[in-house]
Amino acid sequence: MLRPGRVVTLERMKTKQTTSCSWSGALARAGVIGCLALVGASGQATAATGPHLTHETTPESVRPEVTFVAGNAAMDLPDEVPSGYVDIRIRAVDGEAHLALGRIADGTSREEFDAANPFERIAMLDVRGGNGTVSPGADVLLTLLLEPGEWVAVNIYYDGGAVPQFAFDQFTVVESDNDAPAPTDRGTIVIGPAMRIDVPDDFDAVGTWKFENHDDVLNHEAALVGLTDGSTTEDLMGWYADQSGPPPIRGEFGSMGALGPGHEGWVTFAEGALEPGPYSLICWVPGDDGTPHLMNGMFEDLTI
């Protein structure tokens, strides 16, 4: 069972590292977004040596699947995950799940990482993918190419408050015989370079879609946000400017979270999971001034 203030893993309990930061105040006070101040980390982490994992494939899923459970300050992660293309089911239990997964950049020690504040830690990560925010009871199926080494998971959540909280945990990707291919996708959503999200005309948030970050420097995301009937993302931008009344948002529904420069990942959307209506793919990642990329036009309206 997940417990606030603790990290729960499959084999041990560890003290949770949770930090409160005053940051991105306007939207944070609304409690409606998962903000992630990420700057692309350079370099590669040194591969770890350790156990060799094997897995059995089935006709239904040729890739190994692992489940990461997150709920605000608590996470339940497997200690070890096989290398290669892996399906990662991120499930929200007892709180929000908004994970970013990455490796500590080359040249940074684990001791330096642990001693740093949350913003410094995030800047030390080479972010390989994550999920847009989902509420308790919901999940996201993410596929990433995992390289052997030490990995970090960060959950960014609000817990009903106005100040974002950061929870950190780690897992090890071990060398395995997993030679499963990447998913077969229906198309590619391109985020970046700069403030752009290019979405295929037939995107309907059903089935598997590939996401690529074409930016050379910045982390981006393409979180799926449900808008109130009759609203557009420009209405949301107008609300952000004056904070008058409730925001024109009816929920957040996952999709691709933080994705580092030059990286790619896949999200598989369940058929029939979304109600018809207006939606938007939005980059909530803030720039240097704390303003989300959304406010620089990084969004794409769509109707489902």
Protein backbone atom coordinates (compact mmCIF):
# COMPACT_ATOMS: atom_id res chain seq x y z
CA MET A 1 0.00 0.00 0.00
CA LEU A 2 1.28 3.45 -0.88
CA ARG A 3 1.84 5.79 2.02
CA PRO A 4 2.42 9.56 1.79
CA GLY A 5 5.93 10.62 2.66
CA ARG A 6 7.49 7.25 1.87
CA VAL A 7 8.96 5.50 -1.14
CA VAL A 8 7.56 2.02 -1.47
CA THR A 9 9.45 -0.45 -3.65
CA LEU A 10 8.73 -4.08 -4.29
CA GLU A 11 11.38 -5.27 -1.82
CA ARG A 12 12.11 -2.48 0.61
CA MET A 13 10.83 0.74 2.18
CA LYS A 14 12.96 3.87 1.87
CA THR A 15 12.62 7.40 3.18
CA LYS A 16 10.94 9.60 0.63
CA GLN A 17 12.76 12.73 -0.49
CA THR A 18 9.99 15.29 -0.92
CA THR A 19 10.61 18.99 -1.27
CA SER A 20 8.21 21.95 -1.43
CA CYS A 21 9.19 24.78 -3.76
CA SER A 22 7.56 28.11 -4.50
CA TRP A 23 7.53 28.10 -8.26
CA SER A 24 5.30 28.85 -11.24
CA GLY A 25 2.85 30.42 -8.82
CA ALA A 26 -0.01 31.49 -11.05
CA LEU A 27 -0.96 28.13 -12.48
CA ALA A 28 0.20 26.32 -9.36
CA ARG A 29 -2.34 28.25 -7.29
CA ALA A 30 -5.02 27.02 -9.65
CA GLY A 31 -3.93 23.46 -8.93
CA VAL A 32 -4.67 22.38 -12.47
CA ILE A 33 -1.31 21.61 -14.07
CA GLY A 34 1.76 19.51 -13.56
CA CYS A 35 4.68 21.93 -13.96
CA LEU A 36 8.17 20.64 -14.64
CA ALA A 37 11.12 23.02 -14.85
CA LEU A 38 13.47 20.97 -16.98
CA VAL A 39 16.62 21.98 -18.77
CA GLY A 40 18.14 19.40 -21.09
CA ALA A 41 21.07 17.67 -19.43
CA SER A 42 24.08 16.89 -21.56
CA GLY A 43 26.00 13.68 -21.75
CA GLN A 44 25.26 10.07 -21.01
CA ALA A 45 25.26 8.28 -17.70
CA THR A 46 27.78 5.49 -17.33
CA ALA A 47 26.18 2.12 -17.89
CA ALA A 48 25.85 -0.04 -14.82
CA THR A 49 26.90 -3.63 -14.59
CA GLY A 50 24.76 -6.13 -12.75
CA PRO A 51 22.29 -8.99 -13.17
CA HIS A 52 21.17 -10.11 -16.59
CA LEU A 53 17.38 -10.22 -16.88
CA THR A 54 15.42 -12.52 -19.13
CA HIS A 55 11.77 -12.26 -20.03
CA GLU A 56 9.16 -14.30 -21.83
CA THR A 57 7.36 -12.81 -24.80
CA THR A 58 3.77 -13.54 -25.70
CA PRO A 59 1.80 -13.01 -28.91
CA GLU A 60 -0.19 -10.28 -27.11
CA SER A 61 2.88 -8.24 -26.08
CA VAL A 62 6.34 -8.81 -27.48
CA ARG A 63 7.85 -6.25 -25.10
CA PRO A 64 8.26 -6.71 -21.36
CA GLU A 65 5.85 -4.58 -19.33
CA VAL A 66 6.48 -3.05 -15.91
CA THR A 67 4.17 -1.01 -13.72
CA PHE A 68 5.16 2.19 -11.95
CA VAL A 69 2.62 3.27 -9.33
CA ALA A 70 2.67 6.86 -8.11
CA GLY A 71 0.43 8.90 -5.89
CA ASN A 72 1.70 12.27 -4.75
CA ALA A 73 4.63 11.64 -2.35
CA ALA A 74 4.63 7.85 -2.72
CA MET A 75 5.93 5.63 -5.49
CA ASP A 76 6.02 1.89 -5.99
CA LEU A 77 8.69 1.03 -8.56
CA PRO A 78 10.42 -2.23 -9.40
CA ASP A 79 14.03 -2.24 -8.25
CA GLU A 80 15.18 -3.60 -11.62
CA VAL A 81 13.81 -3.15 -15.14
CA PRO A 82 15.12 -4.91 -18.28
CA SER A 83 16.93 -2.96 -20.95
CA GLY A 84 15.60 -2.47 -24.47
CA TYR A 85 12.15 -1.38 -25.55
CA VAL A 86 9.92 -1.68 -22.49
CA ASP A 87 6.24 -0.89 -21.93
CA ILE A 88 5.85 1.16 -18.74
CA ARG A 89 2.37 1.41 -17.29
CA ILE A 90 2.20 4.46 -15.04
CA ARG A 91 -0.75 4.18 -12.67
CA ALA A 92 -2.06 6.88 -10.33
CA VAL A 93 -3.16 5.66 -6.90
CA ASP A 94 -4.15 7.87 -3.94
CA GLY A 95 -2.90 11.00 -5.72
CA GLU A 96 -1.62 12.46 -8.96
CA ALA A 97 0.96 10.73 -11.14
CA HIS A 98 3.11 13.00 -13.30
CA LEU A 99 6.42 11.19 -13.74
CA ALA A 100 9.59 12.16 -15.53
CA LEU A 101 12.13 9.38 -16.08
CA GLY A 102 15.77 9.94 -16.82
CA ARG A 103 19.41 9.15 -16.17
CA ILE A 104 21.88 11.16 -14.16
CA ALA A 105 24.10 12.93 -16.69
CA ASP A 106 27.68 11.85 -17.17
CA GLY A 107 30.06 13.65 -14.82
CA THR A 108 27.55 13.90 -11.96
CA SER A 109 27.92 11.49 -9.05
CA ARG A 110 25.03 9.97 -7.15
CA GLU A 111 26.26 11.83 -4.04
CA GLU A 112 26.15 15.17 -5.86
CA PHE A 113 22.69 14.40 -7.15
CA ASP A 114 21.33 13.45 -3.72
CA ALA A 115 22.78 16.60 -2.14
CA ALA A 116 21.29 18.96 -4.71
CA ASN A 117 17.96 20.81 -4.46
CA PRO A 118 15.06 19.68 -6.69
CA PHE A 119 15.76 22.15 -9.49
CA GLU A 120 19.44 21.24 -9.56
CA ARG A 121 18.54 17.55 -9.57
CA ILE A 122 16.18 17.93 -12.50
CA ALA A 123 18.82 19.88 -14.44
CA MET A 124 21.23 16.97 -13.80
CA LEU A 125 18.91 14.53 -15.57
CA ASP A 126 18.92 13.46 -19.18
CA VAL A 127 15.13 13.13 -19.37
CA ARG A 128 14.06 10.19 -21.54
CA GLY A 129 10.28 10.44 -21.18
CA GLY A 130 7.36 10.61 -18.83
CA ASN A 131 3.62 11.04 -18.68
CA GLY A 132 1.24 13.95 -18.61
CA THR A 133 -0.67 14.21 -15.33
CA VAL A 134 -3.31 11.59 -14.56
CA SER A 135 -5.66 11.46 -11.59
CA PRO A 136 -6.16 8.56 -9.16
CA GLY A 137 -7.55 5.48 -10.86
CA ALA A 138 -6.16 6.38 -14.29
CA ASP A 139 -3.04 5.12 -16.03
CA VAL A 140 -0.81 5.79 -19.03
CA LEU A 141 0.97 3.19 -21.17
CA LEU A 142 4.38 4.53 -22.17
CA THR A 143 7.06 2.78 -24.23
CA LEU A 144 10.71 3.83 -23.95
CA LEU A 145 14.08 2.50 -25.03
CA LEU A 146 15.88 1.87 -21.75
CA GLU A 147 19.66 1.70 -21.56
CA PRO A 148 21.45 -0.12 -18.73
CA GLY A 149 22.33 2.12 -15.80
CA GLU A 150 20.90 3.97 -12.83
CA TRP A 151 17.64 5.79 -13.54
CA VAL A 152 15.63 8.35 -11.59
CA ALA A 153 11.87 8.86 -11.42
CA VAL A 154 10.47 12.25 -10.38
CA ASN A 155 6.82 12.79 -9.50
CA ILE A 156 5.54 16.38 -9.57
CA TYR A 157 2.26 16.85 -7.71
CA TYR A 158 0.18 19.32 -5.70
CA ASP A 159 -1.75 17.33 -3.09
CA GLY A 160 -4.53 19.91 -3.07
CA GLY A 161 -2.19 22.81 -2.35
CA ALA A 162 -0.80 25.72 -4.32
CA VAL A 163 2.89 24.80 -4.17
CA PRO A 164 4.28 21.98 -6.33
CA GLN A 165 5.95 19.08 -4.55
CA PHE A 166 8.78 16.93 -5.92
CA ALA A 167 9.24 13.27 -5.00
CA PHE A 168 12.27 11.27 -6.18
CA ASP A 169 12.96 7.54 -6.44
CA GLN A 170 15.37 5.40 -8.42
CA PHE A 171 15.52 2.11 -10.30
CA THR A 172 18.18 0.17 -12.17
CA VAL A 173 17.95 -0.84 -15.81
CA VAL A 174 19.93 -4.06 -16.19
CA GLU A 175 21.34 -5.66 -19.31
CA SER A 176 18.86 -8.19 -20.68
CA ASP A 177 18.16 -10.37 -23.70
CA ASN A 178 15.16 -8.22 -24.61
CA ASP A 179 15.39 -7.68 -28.36
CA ALA A 180 11.74 -6.73 -28.85
CA PRO A 181 11.11 -4.04 -31.47
CA ALA A 182 9.70 -0.59 -30.97
CA PRO A 183 5.89 -0.34 -31.12
CA THR A 184 4.09 -0.08 -34.42
CA ASP A 185 2.58 3.39 -34.31
CA ARG A 186 -0.17 5.20 -36.19
CA GLY A 187 1.84 8.38 -36.62
CA THR A 188 4.27 10.83 -35.05
CA ILE A 189 3.69 13.95 -32.94
CA VAL A 190 6.71 16.24 -33.22
CA ILE A 191 7.48 18.62 -30.36
CA GLY A 192 10.04 21.31 -31.03
CA PRO A 193 12.23 22.77 -32.20
CA ALA A 194 11.30 25.89 -30.24
CA MET A 195 7.61 26.35 -29.40
CA ARG A 196 5.79 24.03 -31.77
CA ILE A 197 3.73 20.87 -31.59
CA ASP A 198 3.02 19.24 -34.94
CA VAL A 199 0.12 16.78 -34.81
CA PRO A 200 -1.04 14.56 -37.68
CA ASP A 201 -4.49 15.46 -39.01
CA ASP A 202 -5.83 12.02 -38.09
CA PHE A 203 -4.67 12.06 -34.45
CA ASP A 204 -7.60 10.85 -32.33
CA ALA A 205 -5.90 9.71 -29.09
CA VAL A 206 -6.61 6.06 -29.90
CA GLY A 207 -3.92 3.43 -30.34
CA THR A 208 -0.15 3.95 -30.29
CA TRP A 209 1.46 7.25 -31.27
CA LYS A 210 5.11 8.19 -31.38
CA PHE A 211 6.42 11.43 -29.86
CA GLU A 212 9.74 12.99 -30.91
CA ASN A 213 11.47 16.03 -29.40
CA HIS A 214 13.27 17.80 -32.23
CA ASP A 215 14.69 20.54 -30.03
CA ASP A 216 18.45 20.62 -29.52
CA VAL A 217 18.33 22.17 -26.05
CA LEU A 218 14.90 22.25 -24.41
CA ASN A 219 12.77 19.62 -22.78
CA HIS A 220 9.18 19.63 -23.97
CA GLU A 221 5.97 17.71 -23.40
CA ALA A 222 2.63 17.19 -25.12
CA ALA A 223 0.21 16.66 -22.23
CA LEU A 224 -3.41 15.98 -23.14
CA VAL A 225 -5.80 18.46 -21.52
CA GLY A 226 -9.59 18.41 -21.74
CA LEU A 227 -11.09 21.86 -22.28
CA THR A 228 -14.55 22.93 -21.19
CA ASP A 229 -17.20 22.85 -23.91
CA GLY A 230 -16.84 25.76 -26.30
CA SER A 231 -13.35 26.65 -25.05
CA THR A 232 -10.02 26.75 -26.85
CA THR A 233 -6.47 26.87 -25.60
CA GLU A 234 -6.40 30.57 -26.34
CA ASP A 235 -9.14 30.91 -23.71
CA LEU A 236 -6.85 29.10 -21.28
CA MET A 237 -4.02 31.49 -22.15
CA GLY A 238 -6.35 34.42 -21.52
CA TRP A 239 -7.29 32.95 -18.15
CA TYR A 240 -3.63 32.57 -17.28
CA ALA A 241 -3.05 36.25 -17.98
CA ASP A 242 -5.65 37.53 -15.47
CA GLN A 243 -6.51 34.54 -13.22
CA SER A 244 -10.17 35.53 -13.20
CA GLY A 245 -12.65 32.74 -12.37
CA PRO A 246 -12.03 29.03 -12.88
CA PRO A 247 -9.74 27.90 -15.71
CA PRO A 248 -11.47 26.44 -18.78
CA ILE A 249 -10.14 22.93 -18.07
CA ARG A 250 -12.18 19.83 -17.27
CA GLY A 251 -9.31 17.44 -16.68
CA GLU A 252 -5.86 16.17 -17.62
CA PHE A 253 -5.55 12.85 -19.42
CA GLY A 254 -1.93 11.83 -19.65
CA SER A 255 -0.22 11.57 -23.03
CA MET A 256 3.52 12.30 -23.30
CA GLY A 257 5.15 14.14 -20.42
CA ALA A 258 8.68 15.50 -20.30
CA LEU A 259 10.86 14.39 -23.20
CA GLY A 260 14.48 15.48 -23.45
CA PRO A 261 16.19 16.96 -26.52
CA GLY A 262 16.56 14.44 -29.32
CA HIS A 263 14.64 11.69 -27.52
CA GLU A 264 11.53 9.76 -28.50
CA GLY A 265 8.83 7.69 -26.86
CA TRP A 266 5.45 6.14 -27.51
CA VAL A 267 2.08 6.44 -25.80
CA THR A 268 -0.71 3.92 -26.30
CA PHE A 269 -4.18 5.38 -25.80
CA ALA A 270 -7.07 3.08 -24.92
CA GLU A 271 -10.00 3.10 -27.31
CA GLY A 272 -13.10 4.75 -25.85
CA ALA A 273 -11.24 6.13 -22.82
CA LEU A 274 -11.93 9.78 -23.65
CA GLU A 275 -15.29 11.48 -23.89
CA PRO A 276 -15.92 13.44 -27.09
CA GLY A 277 -15.16 17.13 -26.86
CA PRO A 278 -12.44 19.77 -27.14
CA TYR A 279 -8.91 18.87 -26.10
CA SER A 280 -5.43 20.29 -26.47
CA LEU A 281 -1.90 18.98 -26.48
CA ILE A 282 0.01 21.43 -24.29
CA CYS A 283 3.60 21.95 -23.20
CA TRP A 284 3.50 23.00 -19.54
CA VAL A 285 7.30 23.04 -19.22
CA PRO A 286 8.24 26.56 -18.08
CA GLY A 287 10.93 28.71 -19.58
CA ASP A 288 13.63 30.58 -17.70
CA ASP A 289 11.10 33.12 -16.43
CA GLY A 290 8.75 30.43 -15.08
CA THR A 291 6.15 31.00 -17.80
CA PRO A 292 4.99 27.74 -19.38
CA HIS A 293 5.83 27.15 -23.03
CA LEU A 294 2.08 27.19 -23.57
CA MET A 295 2.15 30.99 -23.27
CA ASN A 296 4.59 31.12 -26.18
CA GLY A 297 2.14 29.24 -28.36
CA MET A 298 3.23 25.67 -27.70
CA PHE A 299 -0.11 23.88 -28.01
CA GLU A 300 -2.37 22.20 -30.54
CA ASP A 301 -6.15 22.24 -30.25
CA LEU A 302 -8.04 19.16 -31.36
CA THR A 303 -11.52 17.67 -31.15
CA ILE A 304 -12.21 14.07 -30.18
